Amino acid sequence: MSFTPELVAELEILALFNLGNTQEGLKVHHSAAPQAIAAAKSLHDKGLISLPDGGYLTSLGLDAAEHAQALLTILSVAETA
């Protein structure tokens, strides 16, 4: 399995969530990039976020966002080392 553009777009959406405040949601506006709109819908279809245009992380979504953001942090640190 490889990182497809669709998966990368989903990871980018997950990286936008504030993990320090689970009551803070996200809204993907209709004027957003088509990739972001499709990614939000896909995340909703997979049960990771509460609404097709964002909303809040589900329990599974919180786990996924934590992993996605941790991976991003690890890879970012590796770039600067």
PDB file of N, CA and C in Angstrom:
ATOM      1  N   MET A   1       0.847  -1.181   0.000  1.00  0.00           N
ATOM      2  CA  MET A   1       0.000   0.000   0.000  1.00  0.00           C
ATOM      3  C   MET A   1       0.890   1.242   0.000  1.00  0.00           C
ATOM      4  N   SER A   2       0.497   2.220  -0.772  1.00  0.00           N
ATOM      5  CA  SER A   2       1.264   3.462  -0.822  1.00  0.00           C
ATOM      6  C   SER A   2       0.351   4.639  -0.497  1.00  0.00           C
ATOM      7  N   PHE A   3       0.965   5.786  -0.279  1.00  0.00           N
ATOM      8  CA  PHE A   3       0.212   7.003   0.004  1.00  0.00           C
ATOM      9  C   PHE A   3      -0.305   7.574  -1.311  1.00  0.00           C
ATOM     10  N   THR A   4      -1.590   7.488  -1.496  1.00  0.00           N
ATOM     11  CA  THR A   4      -2.218   8.064  -2.683  1.00  0.00           C
ATOM     12  C   THR A   4      -2.506   9.533  -2.413  1.00  0.00           C
ATOM     13  N   PRO A   5      -2.745  10.320  -3.438  1.00  0.00           N
ATOM     14  CA  PRO A   5      -3.116  11.724  -3.206  1.00  0.00           C
ATOM     15  C   PRO A   5      -4.366  11.854  -2.329  1.00  0.00           C
ATOM     16  N   GLU A   6      -5.294  10.915  -2.462  1.00  0.00           N
ATOM     17  CA  GLU A   6      -6.511  10.958  -1.644  1.00  0.00           C
ATOM     18  C   GLU A   6      -6.206  10.721  -0.163  1.00  0.00           C
ATOM     19  N   LEU A   7      -5.321   9.760   0.118  1.00  0.00           N
ATOM     20  CA  LEU A   7      -4.934   9.508   1.503  1.00  0.00           C
ATOM     21  C   LEU A   7      -4.161  10.682   2.089  1.00  0.00           C
ATOM     22  N   VAL A   8      -3.310  11.283   1.298  1.00  0.00           N
ATOM     23  CA  VAL A   8      -2.559  12.448   1.765  1.00  0.00           C
ATOM     24  C   VAL A   8      -3.519  13.590   2.097  1.00  0.00           C
ATOM     25  N   ALA A   9      -4.538  13.783   1.277  1.00  0.00           N
ATOM     26  CA  ALA A   9      -5.532  14.830   1.549  1.00  0.00           C
ATOM     27  C   ALA A   9      -6.276  14.540   2.848  1.00  0.00           C
ATOM     28  N   GLU A  10      -6.586  13.280   3.106  1.00  0.00           N
ATOM     29  CA  GLU A  10      -7.241  12.912   4.369  1.00  0.00           C
ATOM     30  C   GLU A  10      -6.314  13.176   5.554  1.00  0.00           C
ATOM     31  N   LEU A  11      -5.044  12.829   5.410  1.00  0.00           N
ATOM     32  CA  LEU A  11      -4.070  13.089   6.476  1.00  0.00           C
ATOM     33  C   LEU A  11      -3.950  14.584   6.748  1.00  0.00           C
ATOM     34  N   GLU A  12      -4.000  15.374   5.691  1.00  0.00           N
ATOM     35  CA  GLU A  12      -3.915  16.830   5.856  1.00  0.00           C
ATOM     36  C   GLU A  12      -5.112  17.360   6.637  1.00  0.00           C
ATOM     37  N   ILE A  13      -6.294  16.823   6.389  1.00  0.00           N
ATOM     38  CA  ILE A  13      -7.475  17.236   7.156  1.00  0.00           C
ATOM     39  C   ILE A  13      -7.306  16.820   8.613  1.00  0.00           C
ATOM     40  N   LEU A  14      -6.889  15.593   8.861  1.00  0.00           N
ATOM     41  CA  LEU A  14      -6.697  15.129  10.236  1.00  0.00           C
ATOM     42  C   LEU A  14      -5.663  15.966  10.975  1.00  0.00           C
ATOM     43  N   ALA A  15      -4.664  16.452  10.253  1.00  0.00           N
ATOM     44  CA  ALA A  15      -3.614  17.268  10.878  1.00  0.00           C
ATOM     45  C   ALA A  15      -4.128  18.643  11.298  1.00  0.00           C
ATOM     46  N   LEU A  16      -5.262  19.070  10.765  1.00  0.00           N
ATOM     47  CA  LEU A  16      -5.804  20.385  11.109  1.00  0.00           C
ATOM     48  C   LEU A  16      -6.550  20.410  12.442  1.00  0.00           C
ATOM     49  N   PHE A  17      -6.952  19.247  12.937  1.00  0.00           N
ATOM     50  CA  PHE A  17      -7.718  19.216  14.182  1.00  0.00           C
ATOM     51  C   PHE A  17      -6.833  19.553  15.373  1.00  0.00           C
ATOM     52  N   ASN A  18      -7.396  20.326  16.313  1.00  0.00           N
ATOM     53  CA  ASN A  18      -6.708  20.692  17.541  1.00  0.00           C
ATOM     54  C   ASN A  18      -6.904  19.564  18.545  1.00  0.00           C
ATOM     55  N   LEU A  19      -5.870  18.793  18.798  1.00  0.00           N
ATOM     56  CA  LEU A  19      -5.972  17.663  19.715  1.00  0.00           C
ATOM     57  C   LEU A  19      -6.030  18.106  21.168  1.00  0.00           C
ATOM     58  N   GLY A  20      -5.697  19.351  21.428  1.00  0.00           N
ATOM     59  CA  GLY A  20      -5.752  19.876  22.786  1.00  0.00           C
ATOM     60  C   GLY A  20      -7.158  20.254  23.217  1.00  0.00           C
ATOM     61  N   ASN A  21      -8.104  20.290  22.279  1.00  0.00           N
ATOM     62  CA  ASN A  21      -9.471  20.666  22.598  1.00  0.00           C
ATOM     63  C   ASN A  21     -10.421  19.866  21.697  1.00  0.00           C
ATOM     64  N   THR A  22     -10.919  18.762  22.208  1.00  0.00           N
ATOM     65  CA  THR A  22     -11.779  17.902  21.399  1.00  0.00           C
ATOM     66  C   THR A  22     -13.150  18.522  21.127  1.00  0.00           C
ATOM     67  N   GLN A  23     -13.467  19.631  21.794  1.00  0.00           N
ATOM     68  CA  GLN A  23     -14.733  20.324  21.536  1.00  0.00           C
ATOM     69  C   GLN A  23     -14.604  21.321  20.386  1.00  0.00           C
ATOM     70  N   GLU A  24     -13.403  21.430  19.835  1.00  0.00           N
ATOM     71  CA  GLU A  24     -13.162  22.323  18.705  1.00  0.00           C
ATOM     72  C   GLU A  24     -13.240  21.517  17.415  1.00  0.00           C
ATOM     73  N   GLY A  25     -14.190  21.868  16.581  1.00  0.00           N
ATOM     74  CA  GLY A  25     -14.385  21.148  15.333  1.00  0.00           C
ATOM     75  C   GLY A  25     -13.693  21.823  14.165  1.00  0.00           C
ATOM     76  N   LEU A  26     -14.069  21.384  12.992  1.00  0.00           N
ATOM     77  CA  LEU A  26     -13.468  21.877  11.755  1.00  0.00           C
ATOM     78  C   LEU A  26     -14.572  21.994  10.714  1.00  0.00           C
ATOM     79  N   LYS A  27     -14.513  23.029   9.897  1.00  0.00           N
ATOM     80  CA  LYS A  27     -15.495  23.230   8.829  1.00  0.00           C
ATOM     81  C   LYS A  27     -14.748  23.338   7.512  1.00  0.00           C
ATOM     82  N   VAL A  28     -15.084  22.461   6.565  1.00  0.00           N
ATOM     83  CA  VAL A  28     -14.522  22.529   5.225  1.00  0.00           C
ATOM     84  C   VAL A  28     -15.575  23.206   4.361  1.00  0.00           C
ATOM     85  N   HIS A  29     -15.327  24.440   4.000  1.00  0.00           N
ATOM     86  CA  HIS A  29     -16.297  25.233   3.256  1.00  0.00           C
ATOM     87  C   HIS A  29     -16.429  24.748   1.811  1.00  0.00           C
ATOM     88  N   HIS A  30     -17.564  25.040   1.205  1.00  0.00           N
ATOM     89  CA  HIS A  30     -17.813  24.626  -0.179  1.00  0.00           C
ATOM     90  C   HIS A  30     -16.837  25.269  -1.161  1.00  0.00           C
ATOM     91  N   SER A  31     -16.180  26.353  -0.732  1.00  0.00           N
ATOM     92  CA  SER A  31     -15.207  27.025  -1.597  1.00  0.00           C
ATOM     93  C   SER A  31     -13.782  26.485  -1.404  1.00  0.00           C
ATOM     94  N   ALA A  32     -13.625  25.477  -0.549  1.00  0.00           N
ATOM     95  CA  ALA A  32     -12.298  24.878  -0.319  1.00  0.00           C
ATOM     96  C   ALA A  32     -11.860  24.108  -1.561  1.00  0.00           C
ATOM     97  N   ALA A  33     -10.614  23.716  -1.570  1.00  0.00           N
ATOM     98  CA  ALA A  33     -10.087  22.918  -2.680  1.00  0.00           C
ATOM     99  C   ALA A  33     -10.907  21.632  -2.812  1.00  0.00           C
ATOM    100  N   PRO A  34     -11.174  21.210  -4.032  1.00  0.00           N
ATOM    101  CA  PRO A  34     -11.958  19.979  -4.235  1.00  0.00           C
ATOM    102  C   PRO A  34     -11.372  18.764  -3.504  1.00  0.00           C
ATOM    103  N   GLN A  35     -10.045  18.703  -3.395  1.00  0.00           N
ATOM    104  CA  GLN A  35      -9.404  17.593  -2.697  1.00  0.00           C
ATOM    105  C   GLN A  35      -9.772  17.598  -1.215  1.00  0.00           C
ATOM    106  N   ALA A  36      -9.842  18.782  -0.621  1.00  0.00           N
ATOM    107  CA  ALA A  36     -10.187  18.898   0.799  1.00  0.00           C
ATOM    108  C   ALA A  36     -11.646  18.517   1.030  1.00  0.00           C
ATOM    109  N   ILE A  37     -12.519  18.936   0.140  1.00  0.00           N
ATOM    110  CA  ILE A  37     -13.936  18.592   0.249  1.00  0.00           C
ATOM    111  C   ILE A  37     -14.112  17.080   0.144  1.00  0.00           C
ATOM    112  N   ALA A  38     -13.450  16.464  -0.833  1.00  0.00           N
ATOM    113  CA  ALA A  38     -13.541  15.014  -1.014  1.00  0.00           C
ATOM    114  C   ALA A  38     -12.938  14.273   0.182  1.00  0.00           C
ATOM    115  N   ALA A  39     -11.849  14.796   0.716  1.00  0.00           N
ATOM    116  CA  ALA A  39     -11.198  14.157   1.865  1.00  0.00           C
ATOM    117  C   ALA A  39     -12.102  14.195   3.086  1.00  0.00           C
ATOM    118  N   ALA A  40     -12.755  15.313   3.332  1.00  0.00           N
ATOM    119  CA  ALA A  40     -13.665  15.409   4.472  1.00  0.00           C
ATOM    120  C   ALA A  40     -14.815  14.425   4.318  1.00  0.00           C
ATOM    121  N   LYS A  41     -15.368  14.341   3.136  1.00  0.00           N
ATOM    122  CA  LYS A  41     -16.465  13.391   2.898  1.00  0.00           C
ATOM    123  C   LYS A  41     -16.001  11.963   3.111  1.00  0.00           C
ATOM    124  N   SER A  42     -14.812  11.652   2.628  1.00  0.00           N
ATOM    125  CA  SER A  42     -14.268  10.310   2.793  1.00  0.00           C
ATOM    126  C   SER A  42     -14.036   9.982   4.265  1.00  0.00           C
ATOM    127  N   LEU A  43     -13.502  10.942   5.019  1.00  0.00           N
ATOM    128  CA  LEU A  43     -13.281  10.729   6.455  1.00  0.00           C
ATOM    129  C   LEU A  43     -14.610  10.497   7.172  1.00  0.00           C
ATOM    130  N   HIS A  44     -15.646  11.225   6.760  1.00  0.00           N
ATOM    131  CA  HIS A  44     -16.980  11.024   7.336  1.00  0.00           C
ATOM    132  C   HIS A  44     -17.501   9.636   6.978  1.00  0.00           C
ATOM    133  N   ASP A  45     -17.356   9.241   5.722  1.00  0.00           N
ATOM    134  CA  ASP A  45     -17.812   7.918   5.286  1.00  0.00           C
ATOM    135  C   ASP A  45     -17.108   6.793   6.051  1.00  0.00           C
ATOM    136  N   LYS A  46     -15.870   7.037   6.452  1.00  0.00           N
ATOM    137  CA  LYS A  46     -15.096   6.039   7.200  1.00  0.00           C
ATOM    138  C   LYS A  46     -15.366   6.104   8.701  1.00  0.00           C
ATOM    139  N   GLY A  47     -16.182   7.081   9.129  1.00  0.00           N
ATOM    140  CA  GLY A  47     -16.534   7.198  10.533  1.00  0.00           C
ATOM    141  C   GLY A  47     -15.519   7.916  11.391  1.00  0.00           C
ATOM    142  N   LEU A  48     -14.661   8.732  10.772  1.00  0.00           N
ATOM    143  CA  LEU A  48     -13.629   9.435  11.534  1.00  0.00           C
ATOM    144  C   LEU A  48     -14.044  10.840  11.956  1.00  0.00           C
ATOM    145  N   ILE A  49     -14.954  11.449  11.212  1.00  0.00           N
ATOM    146  CA  ILE A  49     -15.467  12.765  11.585  1.00  0.00           C
ATOM    147  C   ILE A  49     -16.989  12.735  11.546  1.00  0.00           C
ATOM    148  N   SER A  50     -17.605  13.664  12.265  1.00  0.00           N
ATOM    149  CA  SER A  50     -19.052  13.600  12.483  1.00  0.00           C
ATOM    150  C   SER A  50     -19.903  14.102  11.328  1.00  0.00           C
ATOM    151  N   LEU A  51     -19.373  14.942  10.461  1.00  0.00           N
ATOM    152  CA  LEU A  51     -20.140  15.509   9.357  1.00  0.00           C
ATOM    153  C   LEU A  51     -19.363  15.414   8.051  1.00  0.00           C
ATOM    154  N   PRO A  52     -20.056  15.363   6.917  1.00  0.00           N
ATOM    155  CA  PRO A  52     -19.354  15.274   5.628  1.00  0.00           C
ATOM    156  C   PRO A  52     -18.499  16.490   5.300  1.00  0.00           C
ATOM    157  N   ASP A  53     -18.754  17.614   5.966  1.00  0.00           N
ATOM    158  CA  ASP A  53     -17.956  18.821   5.726  1.00  0.00           C
ATOM    159  C   ASP A  53     -17.135  19.203   6.948  1.00  0.00           C
ATOM    160  N   GLY A  54     -16.821  18.223   7.779  1.00  0.00           N
ATOM    161  CA  GLY A  54     -15.980  18.486   8.942  1.00  0.00           C
ATOM    162  C   GLY A  54     -16.623  18.017  10.225  1.00  0.00           C
ATOM    163  N   GLY A  55     -16.958  18.970  11.061  1.00  0.00           N
ATOM    164  CA  GLY A  55     -17.546  18.615  12.345  1.00  0.00           C
ATOM    165  C   GLY A  55     -16.476  18.284  13.366  1.00  0.00           C
ATOM    166  N   TYR A  56     -16.752  17.240  14.124  1.00  0.00           N
ATOM    167  CA  TYR A  56     -15.864  16.839  15.213  1.00  0.00           C
ATOM    168  C   TYR A  56     -15.282  15.464  14.940  1.00  0.00           C
ATOM    169  N   LEU A  57     -14.168  15.191  15.588  1.00  0.00           N
ATOM    170  CA  LEU A  57     -13.570  13.869  15.493  1.00  0.00           C
ATOM    171  C   LEU A  57     -14.411  12.869  16.274  1.00  0.00           C
ATOM    172  N   THR A  58     -14.602  11.705  15.695  1.00  0.00           N
ATOM    173  CA  THR A  58     -15.201  10.603  16.440  1.00  0.00           C
ATOM    174  C   THR A  58     -14.097   9.981  17.290  1.00  0.00           C
ATOM    175  N   SER A  59     -14.442   8.982  18.061  1.00  0.00           N
ATOM    176  CA  SER A  59     -13.435   8.287  18.863  1.00  0.00           C
ATOM    177  C   SER A  59     -12.343   7.700  17.960  1.00  0.00           C
ATOM    178  N   LEU A  60     -12.771   7.053  16.886  1.00  0.00           N
ATOM    179  CA  LEU A  60     -11.811   6.500  15.925  1.00  0.00           C
ATOM    180  C   LEU A  60     -11.032   7.619  15.240  1.00  0.00           C
ATOM    181  N   GLY A  61     -11.707   8.706  14.937  1.00  0.00           N
ATOM    182  CA  GLY A  61     -11.057   9.854  14.312  1.00  0.00           C
ATOM    183  C   GLY A  61     -10.000  10.476  15.198  1.00  0.00           C
ATOM    184  N   LEU A  62     -10.277  10.526  16.498  1.00  0.00           N
ATOM    185  CA  LEU A  62      -9.295  11.067  17.435  1.00  0.00           C
ATOM    186  C   LEU A  62      -8.036  10.206  17.423  1.00  0.00           C
ATOM    187  N   ASP A  63      -8.210   8.894  17.438  1.00  0.00           N
ATOM    188  CA  ASP A  63      -7.042   7.991  17.349  1.00  0.00           C
ATOM    189  C   ASP A  63      -6.263   8.242  16.060  1.00  0.00           C
ATOM    190  N   ALA A  64      -6.992   8.350  14.947  1.00  0.00           N
ATOM    191  CA  ALA A  64      -6.339   8.557  13.652  1.00  0.00           C
ATOM    192  C   ALA A  64      -5.614   9.900  13.608  1.00  0.00           C
ATOM    193  N   ALA A  65      -6.251  10.949  14.123  1.00  0.00           N
ATOM    194  CA  ALA A  65      -5.631  12.275  14.114  1.00  0.00           C
ATOM    195  C   ALA A  65      -4.379  12.291  14.993  1.00  0.00           C
ATOM    196  N   GLU A  66      -4.443  11.615  16.129  1.00  0.00           N
ATOM    197  CA  GLU A  66      -3.256  11.546  16.999  1.00  0.00           C
ATOM    198  C   GLU A  66      -2.097  10.866  16.269  1.00  0.00           C
ATOM    199  N   HIS A  67      -2.385   9.768  15.602  1.00  0.00           N
ATOM    200  CA  HIS A  67      -1.338   9.050  14.863  1.00  0.00           C
ATOM    201  C   HIS A  67      -0.818   9.888  13.691  1.00  0.00           C
ATOM    202  N   ALA A  68      -1.736  10.516  12.962  1.00  0.00           N
ATOM    203  CA  ALA A  68      -1.335  11.330  11.809  1.00  0.00           C
ATOM    204  C   ALA A  68      -0.451  12.487  12.247  1.00  0.00           C
ATOM    205  N   GLN A  69      -0.847  13.158  13.334  1.00  0.00           N
ATOM    206  CA  GLN A  69      -0.065  14.304  13.793  1.00  0.00           C
ATOM    207  C   GLN A  69       1.267  13.859  14.388  1.00  0.00           C
ATOM    208  N   ALA A  70       1.283  12.709  15.037  1.00  0.00           N
ATOM    209  CA  ALA A  70       2.553  12.192  15.559  1.00  0.00           C
ATOM    210  C   ALA A  70       3.501  11.851  14.410  1.00  0.00           C
ATOM    211  N   LEU A  71       2.983  11.218  13.367  1.00  0.00           N
ATOM    212  CA  LEU A  71       3.807  10.892  12.202  1.00  0.00           C
ATOM    213  C   LEU A  71       4.359  12.155  11.558  1.00  0.00           C
ATOM    214  N   LEU A  72       3.523  13.155  11.429  1.00  0.00           N
ATOM    215  CA  LEU A  72       3.956  14.426  10.853  1.00  0.00           C
ATOM    216  C   LEU A  72       5.073  15.044  11.691  1.00  0.00           C
ATOM    217  N   THR A  73       4.938  14.985  13.006  1.00  0.00           N
ATOM    218  CA  THR A  73       5.968  15.522  13.901  1.00  0.00           C
ATOM    219  C   THR A  73       7.280  14.735  13.752  1.00  0.00           C
ATOM    220  N   ILE A  74       7.173  13.425  13.725  1.00  0.00           N
ATOM    221  CA  ILE A  74       8.374  12.579  13.586  1.00  0.00           C
ATOM    222  C   ILE A  74       9.087  12.884  12.264  1.00  0.00           C
ATOM    223  N   LEU A  75       8.328  12.933  11.193  1.00  0.00           N
ATOM    224  CA  LEU A  75       8.944  13.161   9.880  1.00  0.00           C
ATOM    225  C   LEU A  75       9.496  14.583   9.757  1.00  0.00           C
ATOM    226  N   SER A  76       8.852  15.540  10.388  1.00  0.00           N
ATOM    227  CA  SER A  76       9.347  16.923  10.356  1.00  0.00           C
ATOM    228  C   SER A  76      10.642  17.062  11.115  1.00  0.00           C
ATOM    229  N   VAL A  77      10.742  16.393  12.256  1.00  0.00           N
ATOM    230  CA  VAL A  77      11.969  16.427  13.053  1.00  0.00           C
ATOM    231  C   VAL A  77      13.090  15.744  12.292  1.00  0.00           C
ATOM    232  N   ALA A  78      12.775  14.648  11.621  1.00  0.00           N
ATOM    233  CA  ALA A  78      13.789  13.920  10.856  1.00  0.00           C
ATOM    234  C   ALA A  78      14.353  14.782   9.729  1.00  0.00           C
ATOM    235  N   GLU A  79      13.533  15.678   9.176  1.00  0.00           N
ATOM    236  CA  GLU A  79      14.001  16.564   8.104  1.00  0.00           C
ATOM    237  C   GLU A  79      15.058  17.541   8.606  1.00  0.00           C
ATOM    238  N   THR A  80      14.897  18.024   9.841  1.00  0.00           N
ATOM    239  CA  THR A  80      15.791  19.046  10.366  1.00  0.00           C
ATOM    240  C   THR A  80      17.031  18.455  11.010  1.00  0.00           C
ATOM    241  N   ALA A  81      17.040  17.151  11.264  1.00  0.00           N
ATOM    242  CA  ALA A  81      18.185  16.516  11.931  1.00  0.00           C
ATOM    243  C   ALA A  81      19.350  16.338  10.989  1.00  0.00           C
TER     244      ALA A  81
END
